[in-house]
Amino acid sequence: MRYMGIALMLLAAAPAWAGEKTATVKVYGMDCPSCAKGVAGSLKALPGVKSADVSVEKAQAVVVYEDTQVTLEQLKKRIEKSGYTTTPKKSD
C-alpha cells in the first residue's frame, strides 16, 4: 500500500516536470504586420505551442512552448517553412 501512495505522488508530480519554456528567436525577412501574423499563426499551429508573440520591429518571435511536445529546432523549421530565416544572411 505504501508503494501505491508513492506511485500516486509521482504521477501527480509529473506535470511539474513538464518543461514549459520560452524561446526568443530572431526572424529575418519580415517587413509588415501581415508577415508577423502569418509566422505567429504558423507557430501556434504546432502541438505544444502555448503562445507566439511575433514582432516585425524587433525582428523576433517570443514563443512559450512545452518542450515535451515540441523542440526549439522544430520552431525554427516552422519559421523557415513560412518563408523567413532564423539566422542572419551572410554578406559577401
PDB file of N, CA and C in Angstrom:
ATOM      1  N   MET A   1       0.827  -1.192   0.000  1.00  0.00           N
ATOM      2  CA  MET A   1       0.000   0.000   0.000  1.00  0.00           C
ATOM      3  C   MET A   1       0.870   1.253   0.000  1.00  0.00           C
ATOM      4  N   ARG A   2       1.976   1.188   0.732  1.00  0.00           N
ATOM      5  CA  ARG A   2       2.866   2.339   0.793  1.00  0.00           C
ATOM      6  C   ARG A   2       3.417   2.668  -0.597  1.00  0.00           C
ATOM      7  N   TYR A   3       3.720   1.632  -1.370  1.00  0.00           N
ATOM      8  CA  TYR A   3       4.258   1.848  -2.712  1.00  0.00           C
ATOM      9  C   TYR A   3       3.226   2.478  -3.635  1.00  0.00           C
ATOM     10  N   MET A   4       1.980   2.115  -3.406  1.00  0.00           N
ATOM     11  CA  MET A   4       0.904   2.700  -4.209  1.00  0.00           C
ATOM     12  C   MET A   4       0.808   4.200  -3.945  1.00  0.00           C
ATOM     13  N   GLY A   5       0.947   4.597  -2.686  1.00  0.00           N
ATOM     14  CA  GLY A   5       0.917   6.019  -2.339  1.00  0.00           C
ATOM     15  C   GLY A   5       2.063   6.774  -2.982  1.00  0.00           C
ATOM     16  N   ILE A   6       3.246   6.171  -3.001  1.00  0.00           N
ATOM     17  CA  ILE A   6       4.408   6.803  -3.635  1.00  0.00           C
ATOM     18  C   ILE A   6       4.176   6.932  -5.137  1.00  0.00           C
ATOM     19  N   ALA A   7       3.640   5.881  -5.743  1.00  0.00           N
ATOM     20  CA  ALA A   7       3.369   5.917  -7.181  1.00  0.00           C
ATOM     21  C   ALA A   7       2.373   7.019  -7.525  1.00  0.00           C
ATOM     22  N   LEU A   8       1.341   7.174  -6.721  1.00  0.00           N
ATOM     23  CA  LEU A   8       0.351   8.224  -6.967  1.00  0.00           C
ATOM     24  C   LEU A   8       0.962   9.610  -6.822  1.00  0.00           C
ATOM     25  N   MET A   9       1.850   9.781  -5.852  1.00  0.00           N
ATOM     26  CA  MET A   9       2.511  11.079  -5.678  1.00  0.00           C
ATOM     27  C   MET A   9       3.394  11.392  -6.880  1.00  0.00           C
ATOM     28  N   LEU A  10       4.079  10.390  -7.400  1.00  0.00           N
ATOM     29  CA  LEU A  10       4.924  10.607  -8.573  1.00  0.00           C
ATOM     30  C   LEU A  10       4.091  10.964  -9.795  1.00  0.00           C
ATOM     31  N   LEU A  11       2.967  10.302  -9.966  1.00  0.00           N
ATOM     32  CA  LEU A  11       2.089  10.620 -11.092  1.00  0.00           C
ATOM     33  C   LEU A  11       1.546  12.037 -10.988  1.00  0.00           C
ATOM     34  N   ALA A  12       1.204  12.453  -9.802  1.00  0.00           N
ATOM     35  CA  ALA A  12       0.683  13.805  -9.601  1.00  0.00           C
ATOM     36  C   ALA A  12       1.757  14.847  -9.845  1.00  0.00           C
ATOM     37  N   ALA A  13       3.014  14.506  -9.577  1.00  0.00           N
ATOM     38  CA  ALA A  13       4.108  15.462  -9.753  1.00  0.00           C
ATOM     39  C   ALA A  13       4.600  15.520 -11.192  1.00  0.00           C
ATOM     40  N   ALA A  14       4.257  14.565 -12.020  1.00  0.00           N
ATOM     41  CA  ALA A  14       4.755  14.511 -13.394  1.00  0.00           C
ATOM     42  C   ALA A  14       4.525  15.800 -14.171  1.00  0.00           C
ATOM     43  N   PRO A  15       3.339  16.429 -14.098  1.00  0.00           N
ATOM     44  CA  PRO A  15       3.163  17.676 -14.834  1.00  0.00           C
ATOM     45  C   PRO A  15       4.126  18.768 -14.391  1.00  0.00           C
ATOM     46  N   ALA A  16       4.576  18.740 -13.163  1.00  0.00           N
ATOM     47  CA  ALA A  16       5.530  19.745 -12.698  1.00  0.00           C
ATOM     48  C   ALA A  16       6.881  19.564 -13.375  1.00  0.00           C
ATOM     49  N   TRP A  17       7.172  18.350 -13.818  1.00  0.00           N
ATOM     50  CA  TRP A  17       8.434  18.104 -14.508  1.00  0.00           C
ATOM     51  C   TRP A  17       8.353  18.511 -15.966  1.00  0.00           C
ATOM     52  N   ALA A  18       7.155  18.603 -16.500  1.00  0.00           N
ATOM     53  CA  ALA A  18       6.995  19.003 -17.894  1.00  0.00           C
ATOM     54  C   ALA A  18       7.605  20.383 -18.050  1.00  0.00           C
ATOM     55  N   GLY A  19       8.331  20.566 -19.127  1.00  0.00           N
ATOM     56  CA  GLY A  19       9.085  21.799 -19.274  1.00  0.00           C
ATOM     57  C   GLY A  19       8.425  22.847 -20.125  1.00  0.00           C
ATOM     58  N   GLU A  20       7.779  23.798 -19.483  1.00  0.00           N
ATOM     59  CA  GLU A  20       7.292  24.956 -20.222  1.00  0.00           C
ATOM     60  C   GLU A  20       8.471  25.904 -20.367  1.00  0.00           C
ATOM     61  N   LYS A  21       8.785  26.240 -21.595  1.00  0.00           N
ATOM     62  CA  LYS A  21       9.930  27.097 -21.870  1.00  0.00           C
ATOM     63  C   LYS A  21       9.504  28.289 -22.703  1.00  0.00           C
ATOM     64  N   THR A  22      10.330  29.311 -22.663  1.00  0.00           N
ATOM     65  CA  THR A  22      10.137  30.484 -23.505  1.00  0.00           C
ATOM     66  C   THR A  22      11.381  30.653 -24.356  1.00  0.00           C
ATOM     67  N   ALA A  23      11.184  30.763 -25.662  1.00  0.00           N
ATOM     68  CA  ALA A  23      12.299  30.962 -26.584  1.00  0.00           C
ATOM     69  C   ALA A  23      12.104  32.272 -27.329  1.00  0.00           C
ATOM     70  N   THR A  24      13.181  33.005 -27.475  1.00  0.00           N
ATOM     71  CA  THR A  24      13.176  34.203 -28.304  1.00  0.00           C
ATOM     72  C   THR A  24      14.023  33.886 -29.528  1.00  0.00           C
ATOM     73  N   VAL A  25      13.382  33.894 -30.692  1.00  0.00           N
ATOM     74  CA  VAL A  25      14.044  33.524 -31.937  1.00  0.00           C
ATOM     75  C   VAL A  25      14.065  34.729 -32.864  1.00  0.00           C
ATOM     76  N   LYS A  26      15.233  35.074 -33.372  1.00  0.00           N
ATOM     77  CA  LYS A  26      15.327  36.151 -34.352  1.00  0.00           C
ATOM     78  C   LYS A  26      14.698  35.668 -35.657  1.00  0.00           C
ATOM     79  N   VAL A  27      13.909  36.541 -36.275  1.00  0.00           N
ATOM     80  CA  VAL A  27      13.238  36.213 -37.539  1.00  0.00           C
ATOM     81  C   VAL A  27      13.610  37.292 -38.549  1.00  0.00           C
ATOM     82  N   TYR A  28      14.304  36.893 -39.591  1.00  0.00           N
ATOM     83  CA  TYR A  28      14.765  37.837 -40.606  1.00  0.00           C
ATOM     84  C   TYR A  28      13.894  37.743 -41.856  1.00  0.00           C
ATOM     85  N   GLY A  29      13.591  38.902 -42.432  1.00  0.00           N
ATOM     86  CA  GLY A  29      12.853  38.940 -43.689  1.00  0.00           C
ATOM     87  C   GLY A  29      11.422  39.431 -43.575  1.00  0.00           C
ATOM     88  N   MET A  30      10.921  39.646 -42.375  1.00  0.00           N
ATOM     89  CA  MET A  30       9.562  40.164 -42.215  1.00  0.00           C
ATOM     90  C   MET A  30       9.588  41.673 -42.435  1.00  0.00           C
ATOM     91  N   ASP A  31       8.569  42.181 -43.146  1.00  0.00           N
ATOM     92  CA  ASP A  31       8.542  43.632 -43.345  1.00  0.00           C
ATOM     93  C   ASP A  31       7.161  44.252 -43.185  1.00  0.00           C
ATOM     94  N   CYS A  32       6.205  43.485 -42.673  1.00  0.00           N
ATOM     95  CA  CYS A  32       4.874  44.060 -42.457  1.00  0.00           C
ATOM     96  C   CYS A  32       4.143  43.275 -41.367  1.00  0.00           C
ATOM     97  N   PRO A  33       3.103  43.871 -40.797  1.00  0.00           N
ATOM     98  CA  PRO A  33       2.340  43.173 -39.753  1.00  0.00           C
ATOM     99  C   PRO A  33       1.737  41.850 -40.225  1.00  0.00           C
ATOM    100  N   SER A  34       1.385  41.767 -41.500  1.00  0.00           N
ATOM    101  CA  SER A  34       0.830  40.508 -42.019  1.00  0.00           C
ATOM    102  C   SER A  34       1.860  39.385 -41.965  1.00  0.00           C
ATOM    103  N   CYS A  35       3.127  39.741 -42.184  1.00  0.00           N
ATOM    104  CA  CYS A  35       4.201  38.742 -42.083  1.00  0.00           C
ATOM    105  C   CYS A  35       4.247  38.175 -40.666  1.00  0.00           C
ATOM    106  N   ALA A  36       4.230  39.069 -39.689  1.00  0.00           N
ATOM    107  CA  ALA A  36       4.294  38.645 -38.288  1.00  0.00           C
ATOM    108  C   ALA A  36       3.080  37.803 -37.913  1.00  0.00           C
ATOM    109  N   LYS A  37       1.921  38.200 -38.401  1.00  0.00           N
ATOM    110  CA  LYS A  37       0.697  37.454 -38.098  1.00  0.00           C
ATOM    111  C   LYS A  37       0.769  36.046 -38.685  1.00  0.00           C
ATOM    112  N   GLY A  38       1.302  35.932 -39.890  1.00  0.00           N
ATOM    113  CA  GLY A  38       1.443  34.622 -40.524  1.00  0.00           C
ATOM    114  C   GLY A  38       2.401  33.711 -39.774  1.00  0.00           C
ATOM    115  N   VAL A  39       3.529  34.269 -39.341  1.00  0.00           N
ATOM    116  CA  VAL A  39       4.504  33.483 -38.579  1.00  0.00           C
ATOM    117  C   VAL A  39       3.891  33.040 -37.249  1.00  0.00           C
ATOM    118  N   ALA A  40       3.210  33.956 -36.570  1.00  0.00           N
ATOM    119  CA  ALA A  40       2.582  33.620 -35.286  1.00  0.00           C
ATOM    120  C   ALA A  40       1.554  32.502 -35.458  1.00  0.00           C
ATOM    121  N   GLY A  41       0.730  32.602 -36.479  1.00  0.00           N
ATOM    122  CA  GLY A  41      -0.279  31.574 -36.724  1.00  0.00           C
ATOM    123  C   GLY A  41       0.340  30.225 -37.030  1.00  0.00           C
ATOM    124  N   SER A  42       1.417  30.243 -37.795  1.00  0.00           N
ATOM    125  CA  SER A  42       2.108  29.007 -38.136  1.00  0.00           C
ATOM    126  C   SER A  42       2.713  28.351 -36.896  1.00  0.00           C
ATOM    127  N   LEU A  43       3.300  29.162 -36.030  1.00  0.00           N
ATOM    128  CA  LEU A  43       3.879  28.629 -34.796  1.00  0.00           C
ATOM    129  C   LEU A  43       2.801  28.093 -33.863  1.00  0.00           C
ATOM    130  N   LYS A  44       1.706  28.829 -33.730  1.00  0.00           N
ATOM    131  CA  LYS A  44       0.626  28.414 -32.823  1.00  0.00           C
ATOM    132  C   LYS A  44      -0.031  27.111 -33.266  1.00  0.00           C
ATOM    133  N   ALA A  45       0.101  26.768 -34.544  1.00  0.00           N
ATOM    134  CA  ALA A  45      -0.488  25.531 -35.054  1.00  0.00           C
ATOM    135  C   ALA A  45       0.301  24.294 -34.621  1.00  0.00           C
ATOM    136  N   LEU A  46       1.524  24.493 -34.145  1.00  0.00           N
ATOM    137  CA  LEU A  46       2.324  23.356 -33.690  1.00  0.00           C
ATOM    138  C   LEU A  46       1.815  22.845 -32.341  1.00  0.00           C
ATOM    139  N   PRO A  47       1.684  21.537 -32.187  1.00  0.00           N
ATOM    140  CA  PRO A  47       1.300  20.989 -30.887  1.00  0.00           C
ATOM    141  C   PRO A  47       2.346  21.366 -29.838  1.00  0.00           C
ATOM    142  N   GLY A  48       1.890  21.828 -28.697  1.00  0.00           N
ATOM    143  CA  GLY A  48       2.800  22.187 -27.620  1.00  0.00           C
ATOM    144  C   GLY A  48       3.114  23.668 -27.528  1.00  0.00           C
ATOM    145  N   VAL A  49       2.754  24.435 -28.566  1.00  0.00           N
ATOM    146  CA  VAL A  49       2.992  25.878 -28.523  1.00  0.00           C
ATOM    147  C   VAL A  49       1.818  26.529 -27.805  1.00  0.00           C
ATOM    148  N   LYS A  50       2.115  27.230 -26.725  1.00  0.00           N
ATOM    149  CA  LYS A  50       1.068  27.885 -25.935  1.00  0.00           C
ATOM    150  C   LYS A  50       0.803  29.299 -26.423  1.00  0.00           C
ATOM    151  N   SER A  51       1.862  30.005 -26.825  1.00  0.00           N
ATOM    152  CA  SER A  51       1.683  31.356 -27.353  1.00  0.00           C
ATOM    153  C   SER A  51       2.868  31.715 -28.229  1.00  0.00           C
ATOM    154  N   ALA A  52       2.628  32.641 -29.156  1.00  0.00           N
ATOM    155  CA  ALA A  52       3.682  33.139 -30.037  1.00  0.00           C
ATOM    156  C   ALA A  52       3.427  34.618 -30.270  1.00  0.00           C
ATOM    157  N   ASP A  53       4.351  35.440 -29.820  1.00  0.00           N
ATOM    158  CA  ASP A  53       4.268  36.888 -30.000  1.00  0.00           C
ATOM    159  C   ASP A  53       5.371  37.277 -30.974  1.00  0.00           C
ATOM    160  N   VAL A  54       4.985  37.682 -32.175  1.00  0.00           N
ATOM    161  CA  VAL A  54       5.953  37.971 -33.231  1.00  0.00           C
ATOM    162  C   VAL A  54       5.953  39.466 -33.516  1.00  0.00           C
ATOM    163  N   SER A  55       7.151  40.046 -33.552  1.00  0.00           N
ATOM    164  CA  SER A  55       7.302  41.482 -33.761  1.00  0.00           C
ATOM    165  C   SER A  55       8.149  41.766 -34.991  1.00  0.00           C
ATOM    166  N   VAL A  56       7.585  42.549 -35.914  1.00  0.00           N
ATOM    167  CA  VAL A  56       8.340  42.979 -37.092  1.00  0.00           C
ATOM    168  C   VAL A  56       9.438  43.943 -36.652  1.00  0.00           C
ATOM    169  N   GLU A  57       9.089  44.877 -35.766  1.00  0.00           N
ATOM    170  CA  GLU A  57      10.036  45.898 -35.323  1.00  0.00           C
ATOM    171  C   GLU A  57      11.267  45.297 -34.646  1.00  0.00           C
ATOM    172  N   LYS A  58      11.061  44.279 -33.837  1.00  0.00           N
ATOM    173  CA  LYS A  58      12.173  43.641 -33.125  1.00  0.00           C
ATOM    174  C   LYS A  58      12.781  42.489 -33.919  1.00  0.00           C
ATOM    175  N   ALA A  59      12.128  42.128 -35.019  1.00  0.00           N
ATOM    176  CA  ALA A  59      12.563  41.001 -35.856  1.00  0.00           C
ATOM    177  C   ALA A  59      12.743  39.742 -35.002  1.00  0.00           C
ATOM    178  N   GLN A  60      11.701  39.431 -34.230  1.00  0.00           N
ATOM    179  CA  GLN A  60      11.801  38.262 -33.361  1.00  0.00           C
ATOM    180  C   GLN A  60      10.439  37.654 -33.067  1.00  0.00           C
ATOM    181  N   ALA A  61      10.511  36.403 -32.633  1.00  0.00           N
ATOM    182  CA  ALA A  61       9.328  35.687 -32.156  1.00  0.00           C
ATOM    183  C   ALA A  61       9.620  35.222 -30.739  1.00  0.00           C
ATOM    184  N   VAL A  62       8.713  35.517 -29.818  1.00  0.00           N
ATOM    185  CA  VAL A  62       8.821  35.025 -28.445  1.00  0.00           C
ATOM    186  C   VAL A  62       7.759  33.937 -28.309  1.00  0.00           C
ATOM    187  N   VAL A  63       8.224  32.715 -28.097  1.00  0.00           N
ATOM    188  CA  VAL A  63       7.336  31.556 -28.114  1.00  0.00           C
ATOM    189  C   VAL A  63       7.371  30.846 -26.765  1.00  0.00           C
ATOM    190  N   VAL A  64       6.188  30.603 -26.200  1.00  0.00           N
ATOM    191  CA  VAL A  64       6.060  29.801 -24.983  1.00  0.00           C
ATOM    192  C   VAL A  64       5.583  28.427 -25.437  1.00  0.00           C
ATOM    193  N   TYR A  65       6.333  27.387 -25.041  1.00  0.00           N
ATOM    194  CA  TYR A  65       6.031  26.044 -25.535  1.00  0.00           C
ATOM    195  C   TYR A  65       6.380  24.986 -24.500  1.00  0.00           C
ATOM    196  N   GLU A  66       5.795  23.809 -24.689  1.00  0.00           N
ATOM    197  CA  GLU A  66       6.080  22.640 -23.861  1.00  0.00           C
ATOM    198  C   GLU A  66       7.203  21.863 -24.535  1.00  0.00           C
ATOM    199  N   ASP A  67       8.354  21.781 -23.883  1.00  0.00           N
ATOM    200  CA  ASP A  67       9.484  21.109 -24.523  1.00  0.00           C
ATOM    201  C   ASP A  67       9.333  19.591 -24.585  1.00  0.00           C
ATOM    202  N   THR A  68       8.270  19.073 -23.977  1.00  0.00           N
ATOM    203  CA  THR A  68       7.986  17.643 -24.109  1.00  0.00           C
ATOM    204  C   THR A  68       7.210  17.352 -25.392  1.00  0.00           C
ATOM    205  N   GLN A  69       6.702  18.405 -26.052  1.00  0.00           N
ATOM    206  CA  GLN A  69       5.901  18.223 -27.259  1.00  0.00           C
ATOM    207  C   GLN A  69       6.540  18.818 -28.508  1.00  0.00           C
ATOM    208  N   VAL A  70       7.365  19.824 -28.343  1.00  0.00           N
ATOM    209  CA  VAL A  70       7.965  20.486 -29.500  1.00  0.00           C
ATOM    210  C   VAL A  70       9.348  20.991 -29.087  1.00  0.00           C
ATOM    211  N   THR A  71      10.273  21.016 -30.049  1.00  0.00           N
ATOM    212  CA  THR A  71      11.639  21.457 -29.756  1.00  0.00           C
ATOM    213  C   THR A  71      11.903  22.832 -30.357  1.00  0.00           C
ATOM    214  N   LEU A  72      12.956  23.459 -29.880  1.00  0.00           N
ATOM    215  CA  LEU A  72      13.366  24.746 -30.430  1.00  0.00           C
ATOM    216  C   LEU A  72      13.687  24.603 -31.916  1.00  0.00           C
ATOM    217  N   GLU A  73      14.303  23.508 -32.280  1.00  0.00           N
ATOM    218  CA  GLU A  73      14.635  23.271 -33.691  1.00  0.00           C
ATOM    219  C   GLU A  73      13.364  23.189 -34.545  1.00  0.00           C
ATOM    220  N   GLN A  74      12.313  22.566 -34.033  1.00  0.00           N
ATOM    221  CA  GLN A  74      11.046  22.498 -34.766  1.00  0.00           C
ATOM    222  C   GLN A  74      10.427  23.886 -34.920  1.00  0.00           C
ATOM    223  N   LEU A  75      10.569  24.729 -33.900  1.00  0.00           N
ATOM    224  CA  LEU A  75      10.060  26.100 -34.001  1.00  0.00           C
ATOM    225  C   LEU A  75      10.783  26.844 -35.120  1.00  0.00           C
ATOM    226  N   LYS A  76      12.105  26.722 -35.151  1.00  0.00           N
ATOM    227  CA  LYS A  76      12.896  27.396 -36.185  1.00  0.00           C
ATOM    228  C   LYS A  76      12.530  26.881 -37.577  1.00  0.00           C
ATOM    229  N   LYS A  77      12.367  25.571 -37.699  1.00  0.00           N
ATOM    230  CA  LYS A  77      11.999  24.994 -39.001  1.00  0.00           C
ATOM    231  C   LYS A  77      10.638  25.503 -39.461  1.00  0.00           C
ATOM    232  N   ARG A  78       9.705  25.674 -38.535  1.00  0.00           N
ATOM    233  CA  ARG A  78       8.376  26.173 -38.888  1.00  0.00           C
ATOM    234  C   ARG A  78       8.472  27.617 -39.385  1.00  0.00           C
ATOM    235  N   ILE A  79       9.305  28.429 -38.749  1.00  0.00           N
ATOM    236  CA  ILE A  79       9.510  29.811 -39.197  1.00  0.00           C
ATOM    237  C   ILE A  79      10.099  29.813 -40.601  1.00  0.00           C
ATOM    238  N   GLU A  80      11.085  28.969 -40.832  1.00  0.00           N
ATOM    239  CA  GLU A  80      11.722  28.899 -42.146  1.00  0.00           C
ATOM    240  C   GLU A  80      10.757  28.375 -43.202  1.00  0.00           C
ATOM    241  N   LYS A  81       9.885  27.456 -42.817  1.00  0.00           N
ATOM    242  CA  LYS A  81       8.871  26.941 -43.744  1.00  0.00           C
ATOM    243  C   LYS A  81       7.889  28.048 -44.137  1.00  0.00           C
ATOM    244  N   SER A  82       7.750  29.054 -43.264  1.00  0.00           N
ATOM    245  CA  SER A  82       6.874  30.197 -43.547  1.00  0.00           C
ATOM    246  C   SER A  82       7.537  31.204 -44.487  1.00  0.00           C
ATOM    247  N   GLY A  83       8.805  30.974 -44.834  1.00  0.00           N
ATOM    248  CA  GLY A  83       9.483  31.836 -45.798  1.00  0.00           C
ATOM    249  C   GLY A  83      10.471  32.825 -45.213  1.00  0.00           C
ATOM    250  N   TYR A  84      10.820  32.662 -43.947  1.00  0.00           N
ATOM    251  CA  TYR A  84      11.740  33.591 -43.288  1.00  0.00           C
ATOM    252  C   TYR A  84      12.943  32.820 -42.767  1.00  0.00           C
ATOM    253  N   THR A  85      13.982  33.538 -42.386  1.00  0.00           N
ATOM    254  CA  THR A  85      15.166  32.872 -41.865  1.00  0.00           C
ATOM    255  C   THR A  85      15.326  33.182 -40.382  1.00  0.00           C
ATOM    256  N   THR A  86      16.008  32.279 -39.698  1.00  0.00           N
ATOM    257  CA  THR A  86      16.241  32.464 -38.266  1.00  0.00           C
ATOM    258  C   THR A  86      17.711  32.745 -37.975  1.00  0.00           C
ATOM    259  N   THR A  87      18.505  32.823 -39.015  1.00  0.00           N
ATOM    260  CA  THR A  87      19.906  33.204 -38.868  1.00  0.00           C
ATOM    261  C   THR A  87      20.186  34.339 -39.841  1.00  0.00           C
ATOM    262  N   PRO A  88      21.084  35.252 -39.467  1.00  0.00           N
ATOM    263  CA  PRO A  88      21.356  36.372 -40.372  1.00  0.00           C
ATOM    264  C   PRO A  88      21.954  35.884 -41.683  1.00  0.00           C
ATOM    265  N   LYS A  89      21.608  36.577 -42.751  1.00  0.00           N
ATOM    266  CA  LYS A  89      22.206  36.251 -44.044  1.00  0.00           C
ATOM    267  C   LYS A  89      23.637  36.763 -44.053  1.00  0.00           C
ATOM    268  N   LYS A  90      24.520  35.961 -44.613  1.00  0.00           N
ATOM    269  CA  LYS A  90      25.925  36.357 -44.678  1.00  0.00           C
ATOM    270  C   LYS A  90      26.119  37.346 -45.820  1.00  0.00           C
ATOM    271  N   SER A  91      26.887  38.374 -45.541  1.00  0.00           N
ATOM    272  CA  SER A  91      27.182  39.338 -46.602  1.00  0.00           C
ATOM    273  C   SER A  91      28.403  38.848 -47.373  1.00  0.00           C
ATOM    274  N   ASP A  92      28.431  39.177 -48.642  1.00  0.00           N
ATOM    275  CA  ASP A  92      29.543  38.709 -49.494  1.00  0.00           C
ATOM    276  C   ASP A  92      30.814  39.447 -49.228  1.00  0.00           C
TER     277      ASP A  92
END
